[in-house]
Amino acid sequence: MIASLHLPAIRRKALETMSVAYNSKNLSFPVQLLKELLLYDTEEQLISDCRYYGLEVQNNGVYFSKSLFDLKKSTTPQKHCCFV
């Protein structure tokens, strides 16, 4: 329950790191797998956060790009977590 308070910052850092590690214009990371890894309740929440940080989402895949990730954006607001 305590970790859920820090989840937005953890997710932001994970997406930022993956933007460097999986940087590709042609390859995408499955939305469903990323949703499970980052403990999102819905795919829509994940897609919303990805777009907030400047990442492209198409055809159920996230296209990570270190040049598109907006480092100036603050963490997304805390949302209710179903697993808590």
N, C-alpha and C. Protein backbone atom coordinates (compact mmCIF):
# COMPACT_ATOMS: atom_id res chain seq x y z
N MET A 1 0.83 -1.17 0.00
CA MET A 1 0.00 0.00 0.00
C MET A 1 0.88 1.26 0.00
N ILE A 2 1.95 1.24 0.76
CA ILE A 2 2.85 2.40 0.82
C ILE A 2 3.51 2.63 -0.54
N ALA A 3 3.90 1.55 -1.21
CA ALA A 3 4.56 1.67 -2.51
C ALA A 3 3.64 2.32 -3.54
N SER A 4 2.33 2.13 -3.41
CA SER A 4 1.39 2.71 -4.38
C SER A 4 1.44 4.24 -4.36
N LEU A 5 1.88 4.83 -3.27
CA LEU A 5 2.02 6.29 -3.20
C LEU A 5 3.14 6.79 -4.11
N HIS A 6 4.13 5.94 -4.33
CA HIS A 6 5.27 6.31 -5.16
C HIS A 6 5.17 5.76 -6.59
N LEU A 7 4.08 5.09 -6.89
CA LEU A 7 3.91 4.45 -8.19
C LEU A 7 4.04 5.41 -9.37
N PRO A 8 3.46 6.61 -9.34
CA PRO A 8 3.63 7.51 -10.49
C PRO A 8 5.10 7.84 -10.77
N ALA A 9 5.89 8.06 -9.75
CA ALA A 9 7.32 8.36 -9.94
C ALA A 9 8.07 7.13 -10.45
N ILE A 10 7.72 5.96 -9.94
CA ILE A 10 8.35 4.72 -10.38
C ILE A 10 8.01 4.46 -11.85
N ARG A 11 6.76 4.67 -12.22
CA ARG A 11 6.34 4.47 -13.61
C ARG A 11 7.05 5.44 -14.54
N ARG A 12 7.16 6.70 -14.13
CA ARG A 12 7.83 7.70 -14.96
C ARG A 12 9.27 7.30 -15.20
N LYS A 13 9.97 6.91 -14.14
CA LYS A 13 11.37 6.52 -14.27
C LYS A 13 11.51 5.27 -15.14
N ALA A 14 10.59 4.32 -15.00
CA ALA A 14 10.62 3.11 -15.82
C ALA A 14 10.41 3.45 -17.30
N LEU A 15 9.44 4.31 -17.59
CA LEU A 15 9.19 4.70 -18.98
C LEU A 15 10.37 5.48 -19.55
N GLU A 16 10.98 6.33 -18.74
CA GLU A 16 12.15 7.08 -19.18
C GLU A 16 13.31 6.13 -19.49
N THR A 17 13.56 5.18 -18.62
CA THR A 17 14.63 4.21 -18.82
C THR A 17 14.37 3.34 -20.04
N MET A 18 13.13 2.90 -20.21
CA MET A 18 12.79 2.08 -21.36
C MET A 18 12.87 2.86 -22.66
N SER A 19 12.71 4.18 -22.60
CA SER A 19 12.84 5.01 -23.79
C SER A 19 14.27 4.99 -24.33
N VAL A 20 15.20 4.81 -23.44
CA VAL A 20 16.60 4.70 -23.85
C VAL A 20 16.92 3.26 -24.25
N ALA A 21 16.52 2.32 -23.41
CA ALA A 21 16.85 0.92 -23.64
C ALA A 21 16.17 0.33 -24.88
N TYR A 22 14.93 0.72 -25.13
CA TYR A 22 14.17 0.17 -26.25
C TYR A 22 13.97 1.19 -27.36
N ASN A 23 14.87 2.13 -27.49
CA ASN A 23 14.79 3.19 -28.50
C ASN A 23 14.76 2.59 -29.90
N SER A 24 13.63 2.74 -30.60
CA SER A 24 13.50 2.21 -31.96
C SER A 24 12.31 2.86 -32.64
N LYS A 25 12.48 3.17 -33.92
CA LYS A 25 11.36 3.73 -34.69
C LYS A 25 10.49 2.61 -35.26
N ASN A 26 11.04 1.41 -35.34
CA ASN A 26 10.34 0.31 -35.99
C ASN A 26 9.74 -0.71 -35.03
N LEU A 27 10.34 -0.87 -33.87
CA LEU A 27 9.89 -1.89 -32.93
C LEU A 27 9.02 -1.28 -31.84
N SER A 28 8.02 -2.04 -31.41
CA SER A 28 7.14 -1.57 -30.35
C SER A 28 7.13 -2.57 -29.20
N PHE A 29 6.75 -2.08 -28.03
CA PHE A 29 6.64 -2.91 -26.83
C PHE A 29 5.16 -3.13 -26.58
N PRO A 30 4.71 -4.36 -26.38
CA PRO A 30 3.28 -4.64 -26.21
C PRO A 30 2.65 -3.88 -25.03
N VAL A 31 1.54 -3.24 -25.29
CA VAL A 31 0.84 -2.47 -24.27
C VAL A 31 0.40 -3.36 -23.12
N GLN A 32 -0.12 -4.54 -23.42
CA GLN A 32 -0.61 -5.45 -22.38
C GLN A 32 0.51 -5.86 -21.42
N LEU A 33 1.67 -6.17 -21.94
CA LEU A 33 2.80 -6.56 -21.09
C LEU A 33 3.28 -5.39 -20.25
N LEU A 34 3.36 -4.21 -20.84
CA LEU A 34 3.78 -3.03 -20.10
C LEU A 34 2.78 -2.68 -19.01
N LYS A 35 1.51 -2.85 -19.29
CA LYS A 35 0.45 -2.62 -18.29
C LYS A 35 0.67 -3.51 -17.07
N GLU A 36 0.99 -4.77 -17.30
CA GLU A 36 1.21 -5.70 -16.20
C GLU A 36 2.49 -5.38 -15.44
N LEU A 37 3.55 -5.04 -16.16
CA LEU A 37 4.84 -4.74 -15.51
C LEU A 37 4.76 -3.52 -14.61
N LEU A 38 4.03 -2.49 -15.06
CA LEU A 38 3.97 -1.23 -14.32
C LEU A 38 2.73 -1.09 -13.45
N LEU A 39 1.98 -2.18 -13.31
CA LEU A 39 0.82 -2.26 -12.41
C LEU A 39 -0.27 -1.23 -12.72
N TYR A 40 -0.55 -1.04 -14.00
CA TYR A 40 -1.67 -0.18 -14.39
C TYR A 40 -2.96 -0.99 -14.30
N ASP A 41 -4.05 -0.34 -13.94
CA ASP A 41 -5.35 -1.01 -13.87
C ASP A 41 -5.92 -1.27 -15.27
N THR A 42 -5.75 -0.30 -16.17
CA THR A 42 -6.29 -0.42 -17.52
C THR A 42 -5.25 -0.01 -18.55
N GLU A 43 -5.44 -0.49 -19.76
CA GLU A 43 -4.56 -0.09 -20.85
C GLU A 43 -4.74 1.39 -21.17
N GLU A 44 -5.94 1.91 -20.98
CA GLU A 44 -6.21 3.32 -21.26
C GLU A 44 -5.37 4.22 -20.36
N GLN A 45 -5.22 3.85 -19.09
CA GLN A 45 -4.38 4.64 -18.18
C GLN A 45 -2.93 4.63 -18.65
N LEU A 46 -2.45 3.49 -19.06
CA LEU A 46 -1.08 3.37 -19.55
C LEU A 46 -0.88 4.21 -20.80
N ILE A 47 -1.80 4.09 -21.74
CA ILE A 47 -1.70 4.85 -23.00
C ILE A 47 -1.73 6.34 -22.71
N SER A 48 -2.59 6.76 -21.81
CA SER A 48 -2.67 8.17 -21.43
C SER A 48 -1.34 8.66 -20.87
N ASP A 49 -0.73 7.89 -19.97
CA ASP A 49 0.55 8.29 -19.39
C ASP A 49 1.66 8.30 -20.45
N CYS A 50 1.67 7.32 -21.32
CA CYS A 50 2.69 7.28 -22.39
C CYS A 50 2.58 8.51 -23.27
N ARG A 51 1.39 8.87 -23.65
CA ARG A 51 1.20 10.05 -24.50
C ARG A 51 1.54 11.34 -23.74
N TYR A 52 1.26 11.36 -22.45
CA TYR A 52 1.61 12.51 -21.61
C TYR A 52 3.12 12.77 -21.66
N TYR A 53 3.90 11.70 -21.64
CA TYR A 53 5.36 11.83 -21.67
C TYR A 53 5.92 11.93 -23.08
N GLY A 54 5.05 11.91 -24.08
CA GLY A 54 5.49 12.12 -25.46
C GLY A 54 5.77 10.85 -26.24
N LEU A 55 5.42 9.69 -25.69
CA LEU A 55 5.66 8.43 -26.39
C LEU A 55 4.49 8.13 -27.33
N GLU A 56 4.81 7.48 -28.42
CA GLU A 56 3.81 7.14 -29.42
C GLU A 56 3.23 5.76 -29.13
N VAL A 57 1.91 5.65 -29.23
CA VAL A 57 1.22 4.36 -29.01
C VAL A 57 0.35 4.09 -30.23
N GLN A 58 0.61 2.94 -30.88
CA GLN A 58 -0.17 2.54 -32.05
C GLN A 58 -0.28 1.03 -32.08
N ASN A 59 -1.40 0.53 -32.55
CA ASN A 59 -1.60 -0.91 -32.76
C ASN A 59 -1.20 -1.75 -31.55
N ASN A 60 -1.65 -1.33 -30.37
CA ASN A 60 -1.37 -2.05 -29.12
C ASN A 60 0.12 -2.19 -28.84
N GLY A 61 0.89 -1.19 -29.25
CA GLY A 61 2.33 -1.19 -28.97
C GLY A 61 2.81 0.21 -28.65
N VAL A 62 3.78 0.29 -27.74
CA VAL A 62 4.39 1.57 -27.38
C VAL A 62 5.72 1.67 -28.12
N TYR A 63 5.92 2.76 -28.83
CA TYR A 63 7.17 3.02 -29.53
C TYR A 63 8.02 3.92 -28.65
N PHE A 64 9.07 3.34 -28.09
CA PHE A 64 9.94 4.09 -27.20
C PHE A 64 10.96 4.87 -28.02
N SER A 65 11.17 6.12 -27.62
CA SER A 65 12.13 6.98 -28.29
C SER A 65 12.75 7.92 -27.26
N LYS A 66 14.07 7.85 -27.13
CA LYS A 66 14.73 8.70 -26.15
C LYS A 66 14.64 10.17 -26.53
N SER A 67 14.50 10.47 -27.82
CA SER A 67 14.41 11.87 -28.24
C SER A 67 13.00 12.43 -28.04
N LEU A 68 11.98 11.58 -28.03
CA LEU A 68 10.60 12.05 -27.86
C LEU A 68 10.16 12.14 -26.41
N PHE A 69 10.81 11.39 -25.52
CA PHE A 69 10.39 11.40 -24.12
C PHE A 69 10.62 12.80 -23.55
N ASP A 70 9.56 13.39 -23.00
CA ASP A 70 9.61 14.76 -22.47
C ASP A 70 10.11 14.74 -21.02
N LEU A 71 11.38 15.05 -20.86
CA LEU A 71 12.01 15.04 -19.53
C LEU A 71 11.51 16.17 -18.64
N LYS A 72 10.90 17.18 -19.22
CA LYS A 72 10.44 18.33 -18.45
C LYS A 72 9.08 18.09 -17.78
N LYS A 73 8.38 17.06 -18.22
CA LYS A 73 7.07 16.75 -17.63
C LYS A 73 7.24 16.19 -16.23
N SER A 74 6.41 16.66 -15.32
CA SER A 74 6.43 16.11 -13.97
C SER A 74 5.67 14.79 -13.96
N THR A 75 5.69 14.12 -12.83
CA THR A 75 4.97 12.84 -12.74
C THR A 75 3.47 13.07 -12.88
N THR A 76 2.80 12.05 -13.34
CA THR A 76 1.34 12.14 -13.49
C THR A 76 0.70 12.12 -12.10
N PRO A 77 -0.50 12.64 -11.97
CA PRO A 77 -1.17 12.64 -10.66
C PRO A 77 -1.44 11.22 -10.17
N GLN A 78 -1.51 11.07 -8.87
CA GLN A 78 -1.81 9.78 -8.25
C GLN A 78 -3.21 9.34 -8.65
N LYS A 79 -3.35 8.06 -9.03
CA LYS A 79 -4.64 7.50 -9.40
C LYS A 79 -4.95 6.33 -8.48
N HIS A 80 -6.21 6.00 -8.39
CA HIS A 80 -6.63 4.85 -7.58
C HIS A 80 -6.04 3.57 -8.19
N CYS A 81 -5.53 2.70 -7.35
CA CYS A 81 -4.98 1.41 -7.78
C CYS A 81 -5.89 0.30 -7.29
N CYS A 82 -6.34 -0.54 -8.19
CA CYS A 82 -7.25 -1.64 -7.82
C CYS A 82 -6.58 -2.68 -6.96
N PHE A 83 -5.26 -2.87 -7.09
CA PHE A 83 -4.60 -3.92 -6.34
C PHE A 83 -4.42 -3.58 -4.86
N VAL A 84 -4.63 -2.32 -4.49
CA VAL A 84 -4.45 -1.91 -3.09
C VAL A 84 -5.69 -2.24 -2.28
